[in-house]
C-alpha atoms as a PDB file:
ATOM      1  CA  MET A   1     -39.586 -39.392  74.005  1.00  0.00           C
ATOM      2  CA  LYS A   2     -36.943 -40.051  76.614  1.00  0.00           C
ATOM      3  CA  GLN A   3     -38.021 -39.264  80.169  1.00  0.00           C
ATOM      4  CA  THR A   4     -34.610 -38.049  81.408  1.00  0.00           C
ATOM      5  CA  LEU A   5     -31.710 -35.936  80.189  1.00  0.00           C
ATOM      6  CA  ASP A   6     -28.187 -37.322  79.891  1.00  0.00           C
ATOM      7  CA  ASN A   7     -25.875 -35.584  82.345  1.00  0.00           C
ATOM      8  CA  LEU A   8     -22.296 -34.416  82.408  1.00  0.00           C
ATOM      9  CA  LYS A   9     -20.883 -35.464  85.753  1.00  0.00           C
ATOM     10  CA  LYS A  10     -17.102 -35.222  85.717  1.00  0.00           C
ATOM     11  CA  ASN A  11     -15.211 -32.012  86.342  1.00  0.00           C
ATOM     12  CA  TRP A  12     -13.084 -32.534  83.212  1.00  0.00           C
ATOM     13  CA  GLU A  13     -16.269 -32.741  81.092  1.00  0.00           C
ATOM     14  CA  PHE A  14     -17.455 -29.371  82.411  1.00  0.00           C
ATOM     15  CA  ARG A  15     -14.022 -27.816  81.872  1.00  0.00           C
ATOM     16  CA  LYS A  16     -13.831 -29.127  78.287  1.00  0.00           C
ATOM     17  CA  VAL A  17     -17.189 -27.586  77.386  1.00  0.00           C
ATOM     18  CA  ILE A  18     -16.355 -24.252  79.019  1.00  0.00           C
ATOM     19  CA  LYS A  19     -12.881 -24.083  77.454  1.00  0.00           C
ATOM     20  CA  ARG A  20     -13.730 -25.191  73.912  1.00  0.00           C
ATOM     21  CA  GLY A  21     -17.373 -24.262  73.633  1.00  0.00           C
ATOM     22  CA  ARG A  22     -19.307 -21.259  72.475  1.00  0.00           C
ATOM     23  CA  LYS A  23     -21.457 -19.319  74.918  1.00  0.00           C
ATOM     24  CA  GLN A  24     -24.745 -17.515  75.102  1.00  0.00           C
ATOM     25  CA  PHE A  25     -26.110 -15.271  77.795  1.00  0.00           C
ATOM     26  CA  THR A  26     -29.720 -15.402  78.888  1.00  0.00           C
ATOM     27  CA  ARG A  27     -31.542 -13.587  81.654  1.00  0.00           C
ATOM     28  CA  TYR A  28     -30.983 -16.379  84.172  1.00  0.00           C
ATOM     29  CA  ALA A  29     -27.965 -18.314  82.899  1.00  0.00           C
ATOM     30  CA  VAL A  30     -24.727 -18.440  80.967  1.00  0.00           C
ATOM     31  CA  ILE A  31     -24.837 -21.391  78.593  1.00  0.00           C
ATOM     32  CA  PHE A  32     -21.784 -23.060  77.042  1.00  0.00           C
ATOM     33  CA  TYR A  33     -22.088 -25.660  74.288  1.00  0.00           C
ATOM     34  CA  VAL A  34     -19.809 -27.763  72.101  1.00  0.00           C
ATOM     35  CA  LYS A  35     -20.397 -30.651  69.667  1.00  0.00           C
ATOM     36  CA  ASN A  36     -19.898 -34.059  71.289  1.00  0.00           C
ATOM     37  CA  HIS A  37     -20.163 -36.347  68.199  1.00  0.00           C
ATOM     38  CA  LEU A  38     -22.818 -38.448  69.916  1.00  0.00           C
ATOM     39  CA  TYR A  39     -26.471 -38.830  68.973  1.00  0.00           C
ATOM     40  CA  ASP A  40     -27.888 -37.356  72.192  1.00  0.00           C
ATOM     41  CA  SER A  41     -27.080 -34.109  73.913  1.00  0.00           C
ATOM     42  CA  ARG A  42     -25.692 -34.153  77.433  1.00  0.00           C
ATOM     43  CA  PHE A  43     -26.315 -31.468  80.034  1.00  0.00           C
ATOM     44  CA  GLY A  44     -24.421 -30.156  83.035  1.00  0.00           C
ATOM     45  CA  PHE A  45     -25.787 -27.722  85.579  1.00  0.00           C
ATOM     46  CA  SER A  46     -23.804 -25.488  87.883  1.00  0.00           C
ATOM     47  CA  VAL A  47     -25.383 -23.367  90.615  1.00  0.00           C
ATOM     48  CA  SER A  48     -23.061 -21.331  92.831  1.00  0.00           C
ATOM     49  CA  LYS A  49     -23.452 -20.787  96.560  1.00  0.00           C
ATOM     50  CA  LYS A  50     -24.042 -17.128  95.702  1.00  0.00           C
ATOM     51  CA  VAL A  51     -27.515 -18.123  94.469  1.00  0.00           C
ATOM     52  CA  GLY A  52     -28.635 -19.379  97.876  1.00  0.00           C
ATOM     53  CA  ASN A  53     -28.537 -22.262 100.313  1.00  0.00           C
ATOM     54  CA  SER A  54     -28.635 -25.894  99.198  1.00  0.00           C
ATOM     55  CA  VAL A  55     -32.433 -26.014  99.052  1.00  0.00           C
ATOM     56  CA  VAL A  56     -32.572 -23.011  96.718  1.00  0.00           C
ATOM     57  CA  ARG A  57     -29.688 -24.280  94.555  1.00  0.00           C
ATOM     58  CA  HIS A  58     -31.322 -27.676  94.115  1.00  0.00           C
ATOM     59  CA  ARG A  59     -34.669 -26.055  93.270  1.00  0.00           C
ATOM     60  CA  VAL A  60     -32.973 -23.972  90.560  1.00  0.00           C
ATOM     61  CA  LYS A  61     -31.379 -27.103  89.100  1.00  0.00           C
ATOM     62  CA  ARG A  62     -34.714 -28.921  89.103  1.00  0.00           C
ATOM     63  CA  LEU A  63     -36.365 -25.989  87.313  1.00  0.00           C
ATOM     64  CA  PHE A  64     -33.736 -26.044  84.550  1.00  0.00           C
ATOM     65  CA  ILE A  65     -33.934 -29.826  84.206  1.00  0.00           C
ATOM     66  CA  GLU A  66     -37.721 -29.914  84.032  1.00  0.00           C
ATOM     67  CA  SER A  67     -38.002 -27.057  81.554  1.00  0.00           C
ATOM     68  CA  LEU A  68     -35.438 -28.699  79.252  1.00  0.00           C
ATOM     69  CA  ARG A  69     -36.982 -32.148  79.658  1.00  0.00           C
ATOM     70  CA  ARG A  70     -40.352 -30.843  78.470  1.00  0.00           C
ATOM     71  CA  MET A  71     -38.724 -29.235  75.415  1.00  0.00           C
ATOM     72  CA  GLN A  72     -36.744 -32.317  74.357  1.00  0.00           C
ATOM     73  CA  GLU A  73     -38.043 -32.355  70.790  1.00  0.00           C
ATOM     74  CA  GLN A  74     -36.703 -28.841  70.212  1.00  0.00           C
ATOM     75  CA  LEU A  75     -33.310 -29.457  71.848  1.00  0.00           C
ATOM     76  CA  PRO A  76     -30.207 -29.621  69.659  1.00  0.00           C
ATOM     77  CA  GLN A  77     -28.839 -33.138  69.151  1.00  0.00           C
ATOM     78  CA  GLY A  78     -25.178 -34.042  69.522  1.00  0.00           C
ATOM     79  CA  TYR A  79     -24.022 -31.317  71.922  1.00  0.00           C
ATOM     80  CA  ASP A  80     -22.586 -31.069  75.406  1.00  0.00           C
ATOM     81  CA  ILE A  81     -24.290 -28.149  77.133  1.00  0.00           C
ATOM     82  CA  VAL A  82     -23.325 -26.575  80.476  1.00  0.00           C
ATOM     83  CA  ILE A  83     -25.788 -24.206  82.121  1.00  0.00           C
ATOM     84  CA  ILE A  84     -24.368 -21.922  84.804  1.00  0.00           C
ATOM     85  CA  ALA A  85     -27.048 -20.178  86.855  1.00  0.00           C
ATOM     86  CA  LYS A  86     -26.811 -16.455  87.577  1.00  0.00           C
ATOM     87  CA  LYS A  87     -27.486 -14.926  91.009  1.00  0.00           C
ATOM     88  CA  ASN A  88     -31.003 -13.789  90.103  1.00  0.00           C
ATOM     89  CA  THR A  89     -32.231 -17.373  89.561  1.00  0.00           C
ATOM     90  CA  ALA A  90     -33.214 -17.762  93.211  1.00  0.00           C
ATOM     91  CA  SER A  91     -36.397 -15.791  92.589  1.00  0.00           C
ATOM     92  CA  MET A  92     -37.401 -17.300  89.232  1.00  0.00           C
ATOM     93  CA  ASP A  93     -40.390 -19.571  88.795  1.00  0.00           C
ATOM     94  CA  TYR A  94     -40.940 -22.419  86.341  1.00  0.00           C
ATOM     95  CA  TYR A  95     -42.520 -20.271  83.633  1.00  0.00           C
ATOM     96  CA  GLN A  96     -39.689 -17.749  83.658  1.00  0.00           C
ATOM     97  CA  CYS A  97     -37.179 -20.581  83.429  1.00  0.00           C
ATOM     98  CA  ARG A  98     -39.095 -22.211  80.563  1.00  0.00           C
ATOM     99  CA  ASP A  99     -39.241 -18.922  78.644  1.00  0.00           C
ATOM    100  CA  ASP A 100     -35.528 -18.360  79.201  1.00  0.00           C
ATOM    101  CA  MET A 101     -34.637 -21.837  77.913  1.00  0.00           C
ATOM    102  CA  SER A 102     -36.971 -21.540  74.905  1.00  0.00           C
ATOM    103  CA  LYS A 103     -35.266 -18.249  73.946  1.00  0.00           C
ATOM    104  CA  PHE A 104     -31.901 -20.009  74.203  1.00  0.00           C
ATOM    105  CA  ILE A 105     -33.103 -22.874  71.983  1.00  0.00           C
ATOM    106  CA  LYS A 106     -34.501 -20.480  69.359  1.00  0.00           C
ATOM    107  CA  ARG A 107     -31.274 -18.460  69.298  1.00  0.00           C
ATOM    108  CA  PHE A 108     -29.211 -21.643  69.192  1.00  0.00           C
ATOM    109  CA  ASN A 109     -31.170 -23.085  66.249  1.00  0.00           C
ATOM    110  CA  ARG A 110     -30.974 -19.784  64.374  1.00  0.00           C
ATOM    111  CA  GLU A 111     -27.223 -19.613  64.992  1.00  0.00           C
ATOM    112  CA  GLU A 112     -26.630 -23.191  63.826  1.00  0.00           C
ATOM    113  CA  LYS A 113     -28.490 -22.615  60.555  1.00  0.00           C
ATOM    114  CA  GLU A 114     -26.123 -19.782  59.626  1.00  0.00           C
END
């Protein structure tokens, strides 16, 4: 199992996923995804200043990263995924984030089978 997630870093990568991708809404995030024709999935995280100051925004990012890292076996392969945090993420804890991401993964896998 890989210890880290591959990241999307460039603005044009984020824009491509948001423009061409499909989206799902969860309690704490809006998630866009599109096939990338690579073996691994790559992730991008966006947390607005509306969520809180820099400490809070970074904490939210770390929660998303850690919850996804621990669910790597269940993650879809070959996708670019952008996770945009909603305003209410400032008050979430790790377990709420993990549950939110597991619901996304279940819905995603169900949707891809159809």
